[in-house]
């Protein structure tokens, strides 16, 4: 039985500027026409105008990193609250995998931090919706050079970004399938 979530790791570097957070971007780059999660490495340079988080946008924030491991997902006919839960589940699973590699992390809402003084940020993430789908972006710094906040990257932590990206795609697809099986095995109550 195919998994609910189809995944693809793009071997070619891509720049992330926020415009990828659209319903059919995953289809354009991977050919996947169902729920999809696409991972790739590349620069992050998201101008304020492309930010989805209204608080960050109001503050004039930007997202910048020389290189990130990006995950862009599309989940058709999914409401925003479900997407936020999915975002936080994925972030928790990323933290779990990195802790297994000996990296001490703090999870604060939907972001990961190295508990330094001041804390250094490892991730950015957002969940939103279009008219037809829930959308998700998670970025993990590989090389955070240029970040507007104190940041850390996977390189500094000794983590192979490509290997982690492929591992996480498999993990997230398995998690989606596990949820589908859990839903299918219970009966409704009155």
Foldseek 3Di string as FASTA:
>chain_A
DDFQEAEEEDPDADEAALPCQDACSCCVVPVDPAKYKYKYKAWYWHFLVNDPPPVCSVVRHIFGFGMKIKIKTKHWPDDQVVQLVLLQVLQVVLCVVVVVVVQDWDQDRNWIWRVDVVTATFKDKDWDADPTTIMIMMIGAQGRPPGPTRHDHVVVVVHDSVVSSVVSRVVSSVVSRVVVVVVVPDDDDD
